[in-house]
Amino acid sequence: MLEYSIHILEKVSFDKSLFEKELNKSINLLSPQETLQLEKWVEFNYGEKFPEIIKNFKNLYYISYN
């Protein structure tokens, strides 16, 4: 599922709201370990383009798994 989430995020990265929606949906699809891997991938690839979305995703991730 990690590869699927990455694929979807690459496809929707042209639109900020779609990117955020798909990123947040990934929390329900992925295991905690996969979510951490996705977090690192997203930060590396889109950290400059969507810094606020990534910050919100991290907060949502920590709330979901803690």
Foldseek 3Di string as FASTA:
>chain_A
DLVVLVVLLVVCVVDPVSNLVSLLVVLVVDDLVSNVVSLVVCCVPCCVPCVPSSVVSVVVSVVVPD
